[in-house]
Amino acid sequence: MQKVGPSRTSEGPIFEKSIYDKWLNVNEAANYLGRSPRAVYNLVHRKQVIAHKLGGRLAFRAKELDRAFVKKVW
């Protein structure tokens, strides 16, 4: 029996998802932001970052974390 894996299609090679497309848990989000997990919970509580509930746990998108900390210049 042959092992079946990802292959190239007419759309091009299959690329691994970037961190922007992945869901991050609290520890990964804390590492991404350079803060502690407790600080991330505090940011969520103060509604300074967008958090989603997946399976009863908080989940984050890196692009949403970036948006929360990008300074708006007008």
PDB file of N, CA and C in Angstrom:
ATOM      1  N   MET A   1       0.836  -1.176   0.000  1.00  0.00           N
ATOM      2  CA  MET A   1       0.000   0.000   0.000  1.00  0.00           C
ATOM      3  C   MET A   1       0.881   1.240   0.000  1.00  0.00           C
ATOM      4  N   GLN A   2       0.539   2.185  -0.851  1.00  0.00           N
ATOM      5  CA  GLN A   2       1.330   3.401  -0.994  1.00  0.00           C
ATOM      6  C   GLN A   2       0.855   4.485  -0.045  1.00  0.00           C
ATOM      7  N   LYS A   3       1.806   5.234   0.491  1.00  0.00           N
ATOM      8  CA  LYS A   3       1.471   6.333   1.387  1.00  0.00           C
ATOM      9  C   LYS A   3       1.004   7.521   0.549  1.00  0.00           C
ATOM     10  N   VAL A   4      -0.120   8.086   0.932  1.00  0.00           N
ATOM     11  CA  VAL A   4      -0.669   9.217   0.202  1.00  0.00           C
ATOM     12  C   VAL A   4      -0.408  10.478   1.012  1.00  0.00           C
ATOM     13  N   GLY A   5       0.113  11.490   0.368  1.00  0.00           N
ATOM     14  CA  GLY A   5       0.411  12.747   1.051  1.00  0.00           C
ATOM     15  C   GLY A   5       0.024  13.924   0.188  1.00  0.00           C
ATOM     16  N   PRO A   6       0.363  15.131   0.641  1.00  0.00           N
ATOM     17  CA  PRO A   6       0.028  16.307  -0.139  1.00  0.00           C
ATOM     18  C   PRO A   6       0.735  16.296  -1.486  1.00  0.00           C
ATOM     19  N   SER A   7       0.088  16.848  -2.460  1.00  0.00           N
ATOM     20  CA  SER A   7       0.688  16.908  -3.787  1.00  0.00           C
ATOM     21  C   SER A   7       0.480  18.286  -4.375  1.00  0.00           C
ATOM     22  N   ARG A   8       1.163  18.554  -5.443  1.00  0.00           N
ATOM     23  CA  ARG A   8       0.992  19.826  -6.135  1.00  0.00           C
ATOM     24  C   ARG A   8      -0.267  19.756  -6.984  1.00  0.00           C
ATOM     25  N   THR A   9      -0.914  20.884  -7.082  1.00  0.00           N
ATOM     26  CA  THR A   9      -2.100  20.965  -7.917  1.00  0.00           C
ATOM     27  C   THR A   9      -1.879  22.042  -8.957  1.00  0.00           C
ATOM     28  N   SER A  10      -2.874  22.282  -9.758  1.00  0.00           N
ATOM     29  CA  SER A  10      -2.754  23.332 -10.760  1.00  0.00           C
ATOM     30  C   SER A  10      -2.671  24.710 -10.099  1.00  0.00           C
ATOM     31  N   GLU A  11      -3.073  24.799  -8.830  1.00  0.00           N
ATOM     32  CA  GLU A  11      -3.010  26.058  -8.103  1.00  0.00           C
ATOM     33  C   GLU A  11      -1.602  26.337  -7.584  1.00  0.00           C
ATOM     34  N   GLY A  12      -0.724  25.387  -7.652  1.00  0.00           N
ATOM     35  CA  GLY A  12       0.639  25.578  -7.177  1.00  0.00           C
ATOM     36  C   GLY A  12       0.930  24.688  -5.990  1.00  0.00           C
ATOM     37  N   PRO A  13       2.122  24.844  -5.397  1.00  0.00           N
ATOM     38  CA  PRO A  13       2.500  23.993  -4.268  1.00  0.00           C
ATOM     39  C   PRO A  13       1.662  24.298  -3.035  1.00  0.00           C
ATOM     40  N   ILE A  14       1.564  23.318  -2.178  1.00  0.00           N
ATOM     41  CA  ILE A  14       0.845  23.499  -0.917  1.00  0.00           C
ATOM     42  C   ILE A  14       1.815  24.134   0.069  1.00  0.00           C
ATOM     43  N   PHE A  15       1.393  25.246   0.648  1.00  0.00           N
ATOM     44  CA  PHE A  15       2.230  25.942   1.612  1.00  0.00           C
ATOM     45  C   PHE A  15       1.685  25.709   3.011  1.00  0.00           C
ATOM     46  N   GLU A  16       2.597  25.626   3.962  1.00  0.00           N
ATOM     47  CA  GLU A  16       2.191  25.497   5.352  1.00  0.00           C
ATOM     48  C   GLU A  16       1.544  26.814   5.780  1.00  0.00           C
ATOM     49  N   LYS A  17       0.525  26.735   6.615  1.00  0.00           N
ATOM     50  CA  LYS A  17      -0.150  27.940   7.075  1.00  0.00           C
ATOM     51  C   LYS A  17       0.822  28.815   7.849  1.00  0.00           C
ATOM     52  N   SER A  18       0.734  30.115   7.604  1.00  0.00           N
ATOM     53  CA  SER A  18       1.567  31.043   8.359  1.00  0.00           C
ATOM     54  C   SER A  18       0.966  31.220   9.747  1.00  0.00           C
ATOM     55  N   ILE A  19       1.703  31.855  10.627  1.00  0.00           N
ATOM     56  CA  ILE A  19       1.209  32.061  11.987  1.00  0.00           C
ATOM     57  C   ILE A  19      -0.042  32.931  11.973  1.00  0.00           C
ATOM     58  N   TYR A  20      -0.186  33.796  10.956  1.00  0.00           N
ATOM     59  CA  TYR A  20      -1.369  34.648  10.861  1.00  0.00           C
ATOM     60  C   TYR A  20      -2.636  33.844  10.646  1.00  0.00           C
ATOM     61  N   ASP A  21      -2.545  32.661  10.078  1.00  0.00           N
ATOM     62  CA  ASP A  21      -3.712  31.849   9.782  1.00  0.00           C
ATOM     63  C   ASP A  21      -4.014  30.817  10.868  1.00  0.00           C
ATOM     64  N   LYS A  22      -3.156  30.701  11.856  1.00  0.00           N
ATOM     65  CA  LYS A  22      -3.344  29.688  12.890  1.00  0.00           C
ATOM     66  C   LYS A  22      -4.029  30.276  14.111  1.00  0.00           C
ATOM     67  N   TRP A  23      -4.709  29.414  14.851  1.00  0.00           N
ATOM     68  CA  TRP A  23      -5.271  29.798  16.136  1.00  0.00           C
ATOM     69  C   TRP A  23      -4.183  29.644  17.190  1.00  0.00           C
ATOM     70  N   LEU A  24      -4.051  30.625  18.057  1.00  0.00           N
ATOM     71  CA  LEU A  24      -3.073  30.584  19.141  1.00  0.00           C
ATOM     72  C   LEU A  24      -3.804  30.407  20.464  1.00  0.00           C
ATOM     73  N   ASN A  25      -3.263  29.568  21.344  1.00  0.00           N
ATOM     74  CA  ASN A  25      -3.843  29.457  22.684  1.00  0.00           C
ATOM     75  C   ASN A  25      -3.258  30.581  23.551  1.00  0.00           C
ATOM     76  N   VAL A  26      -3.636  30.621  24.807  1.00  0.00           N
ATOM     77  CA  VAL A  26      -3.206  31.704  25.693  1.00  0.00           C
ATOM     78  C   VAL A  26      -1.684  31.739  25.825  1.00  0.00           C
ATOM     79  N   ASN A  27      -1.059  30.587  26.010  1.00  0.00           N
ATOM     80  CA  ASN A  27       0.401  30.561  26.161  1.00  0.00           C
ATOM     81  C   ASN A  27       1.105  31.010  24.886  1.00  0.00           C
ATOM     82  N   GLU A  28       0.618  30.579  23.735  1.00  0.00           N
ATOM     83  CA  GLU A  28       1.214  30.997  22.459  1.00  0.00           C
ATOM     84  C   GLU A  28       1.009  32.490  22.227  1.00  0.00           C
ATOM     85  N   ALA A  29      -0.176  32.997  22.574  1.00  0.00           N
ATOM     86  CA  ALA A  29      -0.445  34.431  22.429  1.00  0.00           C
ATOM     87  C   ALA A  29       0.463  35.239  23.355  1.00  0.00           C
ATOM     88  N   ALA A  30       0.662  34.748  24.573  1.00  0.00           N
ATOM     89  CA  ALA A  30       1.551  35.429  25.517  1.00  0.00           C
ATOM     90  C   ALA A  30       2.976  35.469  24.982  1.00  0.00           C
ATOM     91  N   ASN A  31       3.437  34.361  24.442  1.00  0.00           N
ATOM     92  CA  ASN A  31       4.771  34.304  23.862  1.00  0.00           C
ATOM     93  C   ASN A  31       4.876  35.251  22.662  1.00  0.00           C
ATOM     94  N   TYR A  32       3.860  35.267  21.818  1.00  0.00           N
ATOM     95  CA  TYR A  32       3.831  36.130  20.633  1.00  0.00           C
ATOM     96  C   TYR A  32       3.904  37.605  21.026  1.00  0.00           C
ATOM     97  N   LEU A  33       3.207  37.962  22.115  1.00  0.00           N
ATOM     98  CA  LEU A  33       3.176  39.352  22.566  1.00  0.00           C
ATOM     99  C   LEU A  33       4.319  39.709  23.502  1.00  0.00           C
ATOM    100  N   GLY A  34       5.050  38.688  23.960  1.00  0.00           N
ATOM    101  CA  GLY A  34       6.141  38.943  24.897  1.00  0.00           C
ATOM    102  C   GLY A  34       5.627  39.290  26.285  1.00  0.00           C
ATOM    103  N   ARG A  35       4.488  38.701  26.646  1.00  0.00           N
ATOM    104  CA  ARG A  35       3.877  38.952  27.944  1.00  0.00           C
ATOM    105  C   ARG A  35       3.597  37.631  28.634  1.00  0.00           C
ATOM    106  N   SER A  36       3.112  37.703  29.858  1.00  0.00           N
ATOM    107  CA  SER A  36       2.755  36.488  30.590  1.00  0.00           C
ATOM    108  C   SER A  36       1.325  36.081  30.235  1.00  0.00           C
ATOM    109  N   PRO A  37       0.978  34.804  30.441  1.00  0.00           N
ATOM    110  CA  PRO A  37      -0.403  34.384  30.206  1.00  0.00           C
ATOM    111  C   PRO A  37      -1.403  35.187  31.056  1.00  0.00           C
ATOM    112  N   ARG A  38      -1.037  35.510  32.290  1.00  0.00           N
ATOM    113  CA  ARG A  38      -1.914  36.306  33.155  1.00  0.00           C
ATOM    114  C   ARG A  38      -2.169  37.679  32.522  1.00  0.00           C
ATOM    115  N   ALA A  39      -1.133  38.283  31.929  1.00  0.00           N
ATOM    116  CA  ALA A  39      -1.299  39.588  31.268  1.00  0.00           C
ATOM    117  C   ALA A  39      -2.254  39.474  30.076  1.00  0.00           C
ATOM    118  N   VAL A  40      -2.211  38.355  29.365  1.00  0.00           N
ATOM    119  CA  VAL A  40      -3.120  38.150  28.235  1.00  0.00           C
ATOM    120  C   VAL A  40      -4.556  38.050  28.740  1.00  0.00           C
ATOM    121  N   TYR A  41      -4.783  37.298  29.816  1.00  0.00           N
ATOM    122  CA  TYR A  41      -6.122  37.224  30.401  1.00  0.00           C
ATOM    123  C   TYR A  41      -6.615  38.620  30.801  1.00  0.00           C
ATOM    124  N   ASN A  42      -5.720  39.437  31.364  1.00  0.00           N
ATOM    125  CA  ASN A  42      -6.096  40.799  31.749  1.00  0.00           C
ATOM    126  C   ASN A  42      -6.462  41.641  30.530  1.00  0.00           C
ATOM    127  N   LEU A  43      -5.722  41.488  29.444  1.00  0.00           N
ATOM    128  CA  LEU A  43      -6.026  42.223  28.208  1.00  0.00           C
ATOM    129  C   LEU A  43      -7.403  41.825  27.671  1.00  0.00           C
ATOM    130  N   VAL A  44      -7.726  40.545  27.764  1.00  0.00           N
ATOM    131  CA  VAL A  44      -9.038  40.064  27.321  1.00  0.00           C
ATOM    132  C   VAL A  44     -10.126  40.649  28.220  1.00  0.00           C
ATOM    133  N   HIS A  45      -9.905  40.613  29.521  1.00  0.00           N
ATOM    134  CA  HIS A  45     -10.881  41.124  30.476  1.00  0.00           C
ATOM    135  C   HIS A  45     -11.160  42.612  30.233  1.00  0.00           C
ATOM    136  N   ARG A  46     -10.119  43.381  29.904  1.00  0.00           N
ATOM    137  CA  ARG A  46     -10.268  44.817  29.638  1.00  0.00           C
ATOM    138  C   ARG A  46     -10.686  45.105  28.196  1.00  0.00           C
ATOM    139  N   LYS A  47     -10.924  44.028  27.432  1.00  0.00           N
ATOM    140  CA  LYS A  47     -11.356  44.121  26.030  1.00  0.00           C
ATOM    141  C   LYS A  47     -10.370  44.894  25.159  1.00  0.00           C
ATOM    142  N   GLN A  48      -9.076  44.688  25.431  1.00  0.00           N
ATOM    143  CA  GLN A  48      -8.033  45.320  24.637  1.00  0.00           C
ATOM    144  C   GLN A  48      -7.553  44.415  23.505  1.00  0.00           C
ATOM    145  N   VAL A  49      -7.881  43.130  23.580  1.00  0.00           N
ATOM    146  CA  VAL A  49      -7.593  42.192  22.491  1.00  0.00           C
ATOM    147  C   VAL A  49      -8.844  41.356  22.230  1.00  0.00           C
ATOM    148  N   ILE A  50      -8.965  40.891  21.004  1.00  0.00           N
ATOM    149  CA  ILE A  50     -10.088  40.049  20.624  1.00  0.00           C
ATOM    150  C   ILE A  50      -9.736  38.600  20.934  1.00  0.00           C
ATOM    151  N   ALA A  51     -10.607  37.948  21.676  1.00  0.00           N
ATOM    152  CA  ALA A  51     -10.428  36.535  21.992  1.00  0.00           C
ATOM    153  C   ALA A  51     -11.668  35.779  21.538  1.00  0.00           C
ATOM    154  N   HIS A  52     -11.468  34.552  21.107  1.00  0.00           N
ATOM    155  CA  HIS A  52     -12.560  33.684  20.674  1.00  0.00           C
ATOM    156  C   HIS A  52     -12.584  32.475  21.592  1.00  0.00           C
ATOM    157  N   LYS A  53     -13.747  31.869  21.739  1.00  0.00           N
ATOM    158  CA  LYS A  53     -13.862  30.637  22.527  1.00  0.00           C
ATOM    159  C   LYS A  53     -13.930  29.466  21.560  1.00  0.00           C
ATOM    160  N   LEU A  54     -12.975  28.574  21.652  1.00  0.00           N
ATOM    161  CA  LEU A  54     -12.964  27.350  20.849  1.00  0.00           C
ATOM    162  C   LEU A  54     -12.894  26.175  21.806  1.00  0.00           C
ATOM    163  N   GLY A  55     -13.940  25.398  21.855  1.00  0.00           N
ATOM    164  CA  GLY A  55     -13.959  24.248  22.761  1.00  0.00           C
ATOM    165  C   GLY A  55     -13.837  24.640  24.214  1.00  0.00           C
ATOM    166  N   GLY A  56     -14.378  25.796  24.576  1.00  0.00           N
ATOM    167  CA  GLY A  56     -14.328  26.238  25.962  1.00  0.00           C
ATOM    168  C   GLY A  56     -13.024  26.908  26.361  1.00  0.00           C
ATOM    169  N   ARG A  57     -12.122  27.078  25.414  1.00  0.00           N
ATOM    170  CA  ARG A  57     -10.831  27.715  25.708  1.00  0.00           C
ATOM    171  C   ARG A  57     -10.676  28.976  24.865  1.00  0.00           C
ATOM    172  N   LEU A  58      -9.875  29.904  25.362  1.00  0.00           N
ATOM    173  CA  LEU A  58      -9.631  31.121  24.605  1.00  0.00           C
ATOM    174  C   LEU A  58      -8.676  30.840  23.460  1.00  0.00           C
ATOM    175  N   ALA A  59      -8.959  31.464  22.332  1.00  0.00           N
ATOM    176  CA  ALA A  59      -8.100  31.329  21.154  1.00  0.00           C
ATOM    177  C   ALA A  59      -7.945  32.704  20.513  1.00  0.00           C
ATOM    178  N   PHE A  60      -6.806  32.916  19.887  1.00  0.00           N
ATOM    179  CA  PHE A  60      -6.466  34.214  19.312  1.00  0.00           C
ATOM    180  C   PHE A  60      -5.916  34.027  17.900  1.00  0.00           C
ATOM    181  N   ARG A  61      -6.033  35.067  17.087  1.00  0.00           N
ATOM    182  CA  ARG A  61      -5.384  35.124  15.778  1.00  0.00           C
ATOM    183  C   ARG A  61      -4.281  36.169  15.881  1.00  0.00           C
ATOM    184  N   ALA A  62      -3.119  35.847  15.343  1.00  0.00           N
ATOM    185  CA  ALA A  62      -1.981  36.762  15.436  1.00  0.00           C
ATOM    186  C   ALA A  62      -2.306  38.101  14.780  1.00  0.00           C
ATOM    187  N   LYS A  63      -3.016  38.079  13.647  1.00  0.00           N
ATOM    188  CA  LYS A  63      -3.320  39.343  12.970  1.00  0.00           C
ATOM    189  C   LYS A  63      -4.229  40.217  13.823  1.00  0.00           C
ATOM    190  N   GLU A  64      -5.115  39.614  14.617  1.00  0.00           N
ATOM    191  CA  GLU A  64      -5.971  40.392  15.510  1.00  0.00           C
ATOM    192  C   GLU A  64      -5.169  40.939  16.691  1.00  0.00           C
ATOM    193  N   LEU A  65      -4.189  40.176  17.169  1.00  0.00           N
ATOM    194  CA  LEU A  65      -3.319  40.668  18.239  1.00  0.00           C
ATOM    195  C   LEU A  65      -2.490  41.838  17.735  1.00  0.00           C
ATOM    196  N   ASP A  66      -1.992  41.736  16.509  1.00  0.00           N
ATOM    197  CA  ASP A  66      -1.218  42.834  15.928  1.00  0.00           C
ATOM    198  C   ASP A  66      -2.060  44.096  15.807  1.00  0.00           C
ATOM    199  N   ARG A  67      -3.289  43.940  15.332  1.00  0.00           N
ATOM    200  CA  ARG A  67      -4.177  45.096  15.169  1.00  0.00           C
ATOM    201  C   ARG A  67      -4.431  45.803  16.494  1.00  0.00           C
ATOM    202  N   ALA A  68      -4.497  45.058  17.567  1.00  0.00           N
ATOM    203  CA  ALA A  68      -4.770  45.635  18.878  1.00  0.00           C
ATOM    204  C   ALA A  68      -3.616  46.510  19.369  1.00  0.00           C
ATOM    205  N   PHE A  69      -2.413  46.254  18.870  1.00  0.00           N
ATOM    206  CA  PHE A  69      -1.242  46.975  19.368  1.00  0.00           C
ATOM    207  C   PHE A  69      -0.588  47.887  18.331  1.00  0.00           C
ATOM    208  N   VAL A  70      -1.195  47.994  17.165  1.00  0.00           N
ATOM    209  CA  VAL A  70      -0.642  48.890  16.151  1.00  0.00           C
ATOM    210  C   VAL A  70      -1.153  50.295  16.437  1.00  0.00           C
ATOM    211  N   LYS A  71      -0.219  51.234  16.502  1.00  0.00           N
ATOM    212  CA  LYS A  71      -0.592  52.612  16.766  1.00  0.00           C
ATOM    213  C   LYS A  71      -1.172  53.228  15.499  1.00  0.00           C
ATOM    214  N   LYS A  72      -2.329  53.826  15.625  1.00  0.00           N
ATOM    215  CA  LYS A  72      -2.968  54.460  14.469  1.00  0.00           C
ATOM    216  C   LYS A  72      -2.321  55.819  14.225  1.00  0.00           C
ATOM    217  N   VAL A  73      -1.864  56.013  13.004  1.00  0.00           N
ATOM    218  CA  VAL A  73      -1.257  57.291  12.631  1.00  0.00           C
ATOM    219  C   VAL A  73      -2.148  57.896  11.549  1.00  0.00           C
ATOM    220  N   TRP A  74      -2.640  59.086  11.790  1.00  0.00           N
ATOM    221  CA  TRP A  74      -3.569  59.724  10.844  1.00  0.00           C
ATOM    222  C   TRP A  74      -2.893  60.786  10.087  1.00  0.00           C
TER     223      TRP A  74
END
